[in-house]
C-alpha atoms as a PDB file:
ATOM      1  CA  LEU A   1      -1.895 -25.802   9.324  1.00  0.00           C
ATOM      2  CA  MET A   2      -5.703 -25.893   9.655  1.00  0.00           C
ATOM      3  CA  MET A   3      -7.957 -25.627   6.586  1.00  0.00           C
ATOM      4  CA  VAL A   4     -11.252 -23.861   7.323  1.00  0.00           C
ATOM      5  CA  PRO A   5     -13.995 -23.854   4.657  1.00  0.00           C
ATOM      6  CA  MET A   6     -15.937 -20.637   4.197  1.00  0.00           C
ATOM      7  CA  ALA A   7     -18.607 -19.248   1.916  1.00  0.00           C
ATOM      8  CA  CYS A   8     -17.337 -16.184   0.087  1.00  0.00           C
ATOM      9  CA  ASP A   9     -18.617 -13.592  -2.374  1.00  0.00           C
ATOM     10  CA  GLY A  10     -16.098 -14.097  -5.153  1.00  0.00           C
ATOM     11  CA  TYR A  11     -13.024 -12.547  -3.566  1.00  0.00           C
ATOM     12  CA  HIS A  12      -9.919 -12.186  -5.722  1.00  0.00           C
ATOM     13  CA  GLY A  13      -7.427 -10.997  -3.136  1.00  0.00           C
ATOM     14  CA  PHE A  14      -6.694 -11.030   0.594  1.00  0.00           C
ATOM     15  CA  ALA A  15      -4.501  -9.085   3.012  1.00  0.00           C
ATOM     16  CA  ALA A  16      -3.761  -9.374   6.717  1.00  0.00           C
ATOM     17  CA  PHE A  17      -5.400  -6.749   8.914  1.00  0.00           C
ATOM     18  CA  SER A  18      -5.129  -6.383  12.679  1.00  0.00           C
ATOM     19  CA  THR A  19      -5.946  -3.535  15.038  1.00  0.00           C
ATOM     20  CA  PRO A  20      -6.727  -3.485  18.779  1.00  0.00           C
ATOM     21  CA  ALA A  21     -10.440  -3.268  17.973  1.00  0.00           C
ATOM     22  CA  ILE A  22     -10.376  -5.915  15.242  1.00  0.00           C
ATOM     23  CA  PRO A  23      -7.443  -8.263  15.844  1.00  0.00           C
ATOM     24  CA  ASN A  24      -6.433 -11.240  13.688  1.00  0.00           C
ATOM     25  CA  SER A  25      -8.541 -10.237  10.709  1.00  0.00           C
ATOM     26  CA  ILE A  26      -8.514 -10.730   6.953  1.00  0.00           C
ATOM     27  CA  LEU A  27      -9.188  -7.956   4.469  1.00  0.00           C
ATOM     28  CA  ALA A  28     -10.918  -9.620   1.500  1.00  0.00           C
ATOM     29  CA  ILE A  29     -11.203  -7.904  -1.892  1.00  0.00           C
ATOM     30  CA  GLY A  30     -14.201  -8.415  -4.176  1.00  0.00           C
ATOM     31  CA  ARG A  31     -14.946  -6.869  -7.535  1.00  0.00           C
ATOM     32  CA  ASP A  32     -17.154  -4.059  -6.208  1.00  0.00           C
ATOM     33  CA  HIS A  33     -16.773  -4.407  -2.464  1.00  0.00           C
ATOM     34  CA  PHE A  34     -14.411  -5.486   0.285  1.00  0.00           C
ATOM     35  CA  SER A  35     -14.900  -7.144   3.644  1.00  0.00           C
ATOM     36  CA  ILE A  36     -13.064  -7.405   6.948  1.00  0.00           C
ATOM     37  CA  ILE A  37     -13.436 -10.977   8.137  1.00  0.00           C
ATOM     38  CA  MET A  38     -12.638 -11.460  11.814  1.00  0.00           C
ATOM     39  CA  VAL A  39     -10.924 -14.721  12.691  1.00  0.00           C
ATOM     40  CA  ASP A  40     -11.282 -16.445  16.050  1.00  0.00           C
ATOM     41  CA  ASN A  41      -8.431 -18.823  16.765  1.00  0.00           C
ATOM     42  CA  HIS A  42     -10.321 -20.756  19.406  1.00  0.00           C
ATOM     43  CA  GLU A  43     -13.905 -21.817  18.695  1.00  0.00           C
ATOM     44  CA  LEU A  44     -15.645 -20.174  15.732  1.00  0.00           C
ATOM     45  CA  PRO A  45     -13.370 -19.773  12.698  1.00  0.00           C
ATOM     46  CA  PHE A  46     -15.281 -16.721  11.399  1.00  0.00           C
ATOM     47  CA  ASN A  47     -17.224 -14.783  13.996  1.00  0.00           C
ATOM     48  CA  GLY A  48     -18.138 -11.623  12.114  1.00  0.00           C
ATOM     49  CA  ARG A  49     -17.929  -9.681   8.890  1.00  0.00           C
ATOM     50  CA  ILE A  50     -17.860  -5.981   8.047  1.00  0.00           C
ATOM     51  CA  LYS A  51     -18.700  -5.194   4.437  1.00  0.00           C
ATOM     52  CA  ALA A  52     -18.703  -2.005   2.369  1.00  0.00           C
ATOM     53  CA  ALA A  53     -19.431  -1.187  -1.259  1.00  0.00           C
ATOM     54  CA  SER A  54     -17.014   0.794  -3.436  1.00  0.00           C
ATOM     55  CA  LEU A  55     -17.544   3.251  -6.291  1.00  0.00           C
ATOM     56  CA  TYR A  56     -15.229   1.407  -8.701  1.00  0.00           C
ATOM     57  CA  PRO A  57     -13.922  -2.184  -8.713  1.00  0.00           C
ATOM     58  CA  VAL A  58     -11.354  -2.665  -5.975  1.00  0.00           C
ATOM     59  CA  LYS A  59      -7.951  -3.682  -7.361  1.00  0.00           C
ATOM     60  CA  ARG A  60      -5.804  -3.844  -4.209  1.00  0.00           C
ATOM     61  CA  VAL A  61      -5.743  -2.777  -0.575  1.00  0.00           C
ATOM     62  CA  TYR A  62      -3.029  -1.783   1.878  1.00  0.00           C
ATOM     63  CA  SER A  63      -3.385  -1.517   5.648  1.00  0.00           C
ATOM     64  CA  CYS A  64      -1.996   1.077   8.063  1.00  0.00           C
ATOM     65  CA  GLU A  65      -2.530  -0.801  11.294  1.00  0.00           C
ATOM     66  CA  SER A  66      -1.098   1.902  13.563  1.00  0.00           C
ATOM     67  CA  LEU A  67      -3.963   4.209  12.542  1.00  0.00           C
ATOM     68  CA  GLY A  68      -6.581   1.511  12.012  1.00  0.00           C
ATOM     69  CA  ILE A  69      -6.959   2.711   8.412  1.00  0.00           C
ATOM     70  CA  PHE A  70      -6.627   0.857   5.157  1.00  0.00           C
ATOM     71  CA  VAL A  71      -6.023   2.196   1.668  1.00  0.00           C
ATOM     72  CA  ALA A  72      -8.118   0.893  -1.221  1.00  0.00           C
ATOM     73  CA  VAL A  73      -7.179   1.361  -4.891  1.00  0.00           C
ATOM     74  CA  GLU A  74     -10.292   1.480  -7.041  1.00  0.00           C
ATOM     75  CA  SER A  75     -10.324   1.785 -10.818  1.00  0.00           C
ATOM     76  CA  GLU A  76     -12.420   1.165 -13.893  1.00  0.00           C
ATOM     77  CA  LYS A  77     -11.400   1.897 -17.476  1.00  0.00           C
ATOM     78  CA  SER A  78      -9.840   5.378 -17.429  1.00  0.00           C
ATOM     79  CA  GLN A  79     -11.040   6.292 -13.921  1.00  0.00           C
ATOM     80  CA  SER A  80      -8.999   5.653 -10.805  1.00  0.00           C
ATOM     81  CA  ARG A  81      -9.174   6.795  -7.212  1.00  0.00           C
ATOM     82  CA  VAL A  82      -7.502   5.985  -3.914  1.00  0.00           C
ATOM     83  CA  CYS A  83      -9.649   5.839  -0.786  1.00  0.00           C
ATOM     84  CA  LEU A  84      -8.969   5.756   2.934  1.00  0.00           C
ATOM     85  CA  TYR A  85     -11.339   3.664   5.050  1.00  0.00           C
ATOM     86  CA  THR A  86     -11.588   3.094   8.784  1.00  0.00           C
ATOM     87  CA  GLU A  87     -11.512  -0.345  10.347  1.00  0.00           C
ATOM     88  CA  ASN A  88     -15.345  -0.229  10.296  1.00  0.00           C
ATOM     89  CA  CYS A  89     -15.230   0.239   6.504  1.00  0.00           C
ATOM     90  CA  THR A  90     -16.344   3.890   6.763  1.00  0.00           C
ATOM     91  CA  LEU A  91     -14.994   6.075   3.972  1.00  0.00           C
ATOM     92  CA  LEU A  92     -12.766   8.833   5.425  1.00  0.00           C
ATOM     93  CA  THR A  93     -11.654  10.562   2.266  1.00  0.00           C
ATOM     94  CA  SER A  94     -10.585   9.838  -1.312  1.00  0.00           C
ATOM     95  CA  ILE A  95      -8.468  11.337  -4.053  1.00  0.00           C
ATOM     96  CA  ASP A  96      -9.042  11.044  -7.805  1.00  0.00           C
ATOM     97  CA  ILE A  97      -5.966   9.904  -9.710  1.00  0.00           C
ATOM     98  CA  GLY A  98      -7.604  10.478 -13.106  1.00  0.00           C
ATOM     99  CA  ASP A  99      -6.641   8.471 -16.174  1.00  0.00           C
ATOM    100  CA  LYS A 100      -3.530   7.004 -14.565  1.00  0.00           C
ATOM    101  CA  THR A 101      -3.188   3.425 -13.337  1.00  0.00           C
ATOM    102  CA  THR A 102      -2.377   3.180  -9.635  1.00  0.00           C
ATOM    103  CA  ASN A 103       0.126   0.349  -9.160  1.00  0.00           C
ATOM    104  CA  SER A 104       0.777   0.769  -5.432  1.00  0.00           C
ATOM    105  CA  ALA A 105      -0.117   3.000  -2.496  1.00  0.00           C
ATOM    106  CA  ILE A 106       0.917   3.487   1.122  1.00  0.00           C
ATOM    107  CA  LEU A 107      -0.054   5.641   4.092  1.00  0.00           C
ATOM    108  CA  THR A 108       3.158   6.321   6.007  1.00  0.00           C
ATOM    109  CA  GLN A 109       5.428   8.745   7.880  1.00  0.00           C
ATOM    110  CA  PHE A 110       8.969  10.036   7.316  1.00  0.00           C
ATOM    111  CA  GLU A 111      11.566  10.228  10.083  1.00  0.00           C
ATOM    112  CA  ASP A 112      11.954  14.034   9.950  1.00  0.00           C
ATOM    113  CA  ARG A 113       8.166  14.582   9.808  1.00  0.00           C
ATOM    114  CA  GLU A 114       7.003  12.261  12.564  1.00  0.00           C
ATOM    115  CA  ASN A 115       3.851  14.224  13.361  1.00  0.00           C
ATOM    116  CA  GLU A 116       2.590  14.140   9.769  1.00  0.00           C
ATOM    117  CA  TRP A 117       1.109  11.385   7.615  1.00  0.00           C
ATOM    118  CA  PHE A 118       1.491  11.069   3.852  1.00  0.00           C
ATOM    119  CA  LEU A 119      -0.341   9.075   1.203  1.00  0.00           C
ATOM    120  CA  LEU A 120       1.934   8.033  -1.647  1.00  0.00           C
ATOM    121  CA  CYS A 121       0.598   6.548  -4.909  1.00  0.00           C
ATOM    122  CA  GLY A 122       2.740   4.886  -7.536  1.00  0.00           C
ATOM    123  CA  THR A 123       1.123   5.455 -10.934  1.00  0.00           C
ATOM    124  CA  THR A 124       1.553   4.729 -14.645  1.00  0.00           C
ATOM    125  CA  GLY A 125       0.238   7.318 -17.117  1.00  0.00           C
ATOM    126  CA  ASN A 126      -1.200   6.753 -20.550  1.00  0.00           C
ATOM    127  CA  ASP A 127       2.015   8.228 -21.925  1.00  0.00           C
ATOM    128  CA  GLY A 128       4.041   5.499 -20.217  1.00  0.00           C
ATOM    129  CA  LYS A 129       5.491   7.777 -17.542  1.00  0.00           C
ATOM    130  CA  TYR A 130       5.950   6.373 -14.046  1.00  0.00           C
ATOM    131  CA  GLU A 131       5.322   8.664 -11.090  1.00  0.00           C
ATOM    132  CA  ILE A 132       4.904   8.707  -7.324  1.00  0.00           C
ATOM    133  CA  GLN A 133       2.277  11.195  -6.248  1.00  0.00           C
ATOM    134  CA  THR A 134       2.613  12.484  -2.676  1.00  0.00           C
ATOM    135  CA  PHE A 135      -0.356  13.760  -0.650  1.00  0.00           C
ATOM    136  CA  SER A 136      -0.430  15.135   2.891  1.00  0.00           C
ATOM    137  CA  PHE A 137      -3.080  13.493   5.095  1.00  0.00           C
ATOM    138  CA  ASN A 138      -4.676  15.674   7.786  1.00  0.00           C
ATOM    139  CA  LEU A 139      -5.805  13.157  10.369  1.00  0.00           C
ATOM    140  CA  ALA A 140      -7.978  15.616  12.322  1.00  0.00           C
ATOM    141  CA  GLU A 141      -9.852  16.931   9.289  1.00  0.00           C
ATOM    142  CA  THR A 142      -9.518  13.697   7.238  1.00  0.00           C
ATOM    143  CA  THR A 143      -8.420  15.585   4.125  1.00  0.00           C
ATOM    144  CA  LEU A 144      -5.762  14.958   1.475  1.00  0.00           C
ATOM    145  CA  THR A 145      -3.654  17.744  -0.026  1.00  0.00           C
ATOM    146  CA  ALA A 146      -1.324  17.329  -3.009  1.00  0.00           C
ATOM    147  CA  VAL A 147       2.349  17.941  -2.084  1.00  0.00           C
ATOM    148  CA  HIS A 148       4.333  17.024  -5.205  1.00  0.00           C
ATOM    149  CA  THR A 149       4.857  14.455  -7.958  1.00  0.00           C
ATOM    150  CA  THR A 150       8.104  12.549  -8.564  1.00  0.00           C
ATOM    151  CA  GLU A 151       8.974  10.916 -11.874  1.00  0.00           C
ATOM    152  CA  CYS A 152      10.343   7.367 -11.507  1.00  0.00           C
ATOM    153  CA  LEU A 153      12.777   5.334 -13.591  1.00  0.00           C
ATOM    154  CA  ASP A 154      10.453   2.330 -13.765  1.00  0.00           C
ATOM    155  CA  LYS A 155       7.032   1.178 -12.611  1.00  0.00           C
ATOM    156  CA  PRO A 156       6.523   1.456  -8.812  1.00  0.00           C
ATOM    157  CA  ASN A 157       5.101  -2.011  -8.181  1.00  0.00           C
ATOM    158  CA  VAL A 158       5.271  -2.012  -4.388  1.00  0.00           C
ATOM    159  CA  MET A 159       6.093   0.464  -1.594  1.00  0.00           C
ATOM    160  CA  ILE A 160       6.844   0.014   2.098  1.00  0.00           C
ATOM    161  CA  SER A 161       8.025   2.220   4.939  1.00  0.00           C
ATOM    162  CA  PHE A 162      11.669   1.481   5.732  1.00  0.00           C
ATOM    163  CA  ALA A 163      14.204   3.196   8.022  1.00  0.00           C
ATOM    164  CA  GLY A 164      12.012   6.295   8.211  1.00  0.00           C
ATOM    165  CA  LYS A 165      11.942   6.568   4.446  1.00  0.00           C
ATOM    166  CA  LEU A 166      10.096   5.083   1.449  1.00  0.00           C
ATOM    167  CA  LEU A 167      11.351   1.890  -0.185  1.00  0.00           C
ATOM    168  CA  VAL A 168      10.019   1.272  -3.697  1.00  0.00           C
ATOM    169  CA  GLY A 169      10.241  -1.948  -5.694  1.00  0.00           C
ATOM    170  CA  GLY A 170      10.169  -1.585  -9.475  1.00  0.00           C
ATOM    171  CA  ASP A 171      10.863  -3.533 -12.665  1.00  0.00           C
ATOM    172  CA  THR A 172      14.634  -3.087 -12.382  1.00  0.00           C
ATOM    173  CA  GLY A 173      15.273  -3.092  -8.626  1.00  0.00           C
ATOM    174  CA  VAL A 174      14.582  -1.293  -5.336  1.00  0.00           C
ATOM    175  CA  ARG A 175      15.112   2.391  -4.563  1.00  0.00           C
ATOM    176  CA  LEU A 176      15.060   4.276  -1.284  1.00  0.00           C
ATOM    177  CA  TYR A 177      13.473   7.756  -1.212  1.00  0.00           C
ATOM    178  CA  ASP A 178      13.260  10.502   1.386  1.00  0.00           C
ATOM    179  CA  LEU A 179      10.763  13.367   1.455  1.00  0.00           C
ATOM    180  CA  GLY A 180      11.931  16.596  -0.197  1.00  0.00           C
ATOM    181  CA  LYS A 181      10.266  19.972  -0.655  1.00  0.00           C
ATOM    182  CA  LYS A 182       9.635  19.667  -4.413  1.00  0.00           C
ATOM    183  CA  ARG A 183       9.927  15.915  -4.962  1.00  0.00           C
ATOM    184  CA  LEU A 184      11.037  12.671  -3.375  1.00  0.00           C
ATOM    185  CA  LEU A 185      14.823  12.437  -3.054  1.00  0.00           C
ATOM    186  CA  ARG A 186      16.437   9.189  -4.224  1.00  0.00           C
ATOM    187  CA  LYS A 187      19.009   8.196  -1.579  1.00  0.00           C
ATOM    188  CA  CYS A 188      20.253   4.859  -2.931  1.00  0.00           C
ATOM    189  CA  GLU A 189      19.263   1.906  -5.123  1.00  0.00           C
ATOM    190  CA  ALA A 190      19.974  -1.752  -5.764  1.00  0.00           C
ATOM    191  CA  LEU A 191      19.528  -3.086  -9.302  1.00  0.00           C
ATOM    192  CA  LEU A 192      18.096  -6.601  -9.559  1.00  0.00           C
ATOM    193  CA  PRO A 193      17.772  -9.028 -12.492  1.00  0.00           C
ATOM    194  CA  SER A 194      13.953  -9.170 -12.398  1.00  0.00           C
ATOM    195  CA  ALA A 195      10.938  -7.100 -11.398  1.00  0.00           C
ATOM    196  CA  VAL A 196      10.154  -6.694  -7.670  1.00  0.00           C
ATOM    197  CA  HIS A 197       6.536  -7.304  -6.624  1.00  0.00           C
ATOM    198  CA  PHE A 198       6.894  -7.905  -2.890  1.00  0.00           C
ATOM    199  CA  LEU A 199       8.875  -6.131  -0.178  1.00  0.00           C
ATOM    200  CA  ASP A 200       9.298  -6.768   3.532  1.00  0.00           C
ATOM    201  CA  SER A 201      11.891  -5.728   6.069  1.00  0.00           C
ATOM    202  CA  GLN A 202      13.302  -6.602   9.468  1.00  0.00           C
ATOM    203  CA  GLY A 203      15.611  -4.015  10.965  1.00  0.00           C
ATOM    204  CA  LEU A 204      18.004  -2.967   8.200  1.00  0.00           C
ATOM    205  CA  ARG A 205      17.381  -6.154   6.207  1.00  0.00           C
ATOM    206  CA  VAL A 206      15.149  -6.122   3.125  1.00  0.00           C
ATOM    207  CA  TYR A 207      13.450  -9.105   1.483  1.00  0.00           C
ATOM    208  CA  ALA A 208      12.452  -8.573  -2.146  1.00  0.00           C
ATOM    209  CA  GLY A 209      10.219 -11.051  -3.939  1.00  0.00           C
ATOM    210  CA  THR A 210      10.682 -10.993  -7.720  1.00  0.00           C
ATOM    211  CA  SER A 211       8.763 -12.070 -10.810  1.00  0.00           C
ATOM    212  CA  MET A 212      11.210 -14.975 -11.241  1.00  0.00           C
ATOM    213  CA  SER A 213       9.784 -16.701  -8.142  1.00  0.00           C
ATOM    214  CA  SER A 214      12.865 -15.795  -6.145  1.00  0.00           C
ATOM    215  CA  VAL A 215      13.616 -13.803  -2.979  1.00  0.00           C
ATOM    216  CA  MET A 216      16.529 -11.377  -2.880  1.00  0.00           C
ATOM    217  CA  PHE A 217      18.123 -10.532   0.476  1.00  0.00           C
ATOM    218  CA  LEU A 218      19.457  -6.966   0.836  1.00  0.00           C
ATOM    219  CA  ILE A 219      21.141  -5.073   3.672  1.00  0.00           C
ATOM    220  CA  TYR A 220      20.870  -1.302   4.044  1.00  0.00           C
ATOM    221  CA  ARG A 221      24.004   0.471   5.274  1.00  0.00           C
ATOM    222  CA  PRO A 222      22.993   4.007   6.374  1.00  0.00           C
ATOM    223  CA  VAL A 223      26.570   5.237   6.838  1.00  0.00           C
ATOM    224  CA  GLN A 224      27.465   4.436   3.206  1.00  0.00           C
ATOM    225  CA  ASN A 225      24.213   5.849   1.804  1.00  0.00           C
END
């Protein structure tokens, strides 16, 4: 482990980001901006920085490394929007979420729609309702089109692509969804004793980090679900 000092602009969050053009990078989140910091493992620890301003304070970011795009959740008071940026921090498109709080977002594909990309946003409304809003992303025209909205049983804290579907971690467990015509279809679920705030997977194995500082190990059995 090597500790490298750096001068920063008051970042409050970081995420790994790596594409063929910008490998081994760090996506740093500031209050009203974000930066891609390129890391050199050999001589200079930080050899470049790409910075962009945002309309609202940036709350969280998610990367889609296969497209070289990252998703930024920006919100202030009752206004919220989700933006898609290129690896050069150029704004591609954005969608206004309105007066709902965006808890999580992901740009992903489904196994039966491999040629299409979808932006999914997990939100909490002022009325306390939890939803996942699904948008179709046209890569050629860089536009977002609303597909449908799915009501959830609890707050969608985190989402990842898993087994060609969408895996969502909430306050009561994890749930696996597939894409339907009118809403997301819940395929199976696993109830857990505490809220899930982190998800990762390897093959059919799922690792869920909870609010109780624990990691739950789950196995997905497609034949039974």
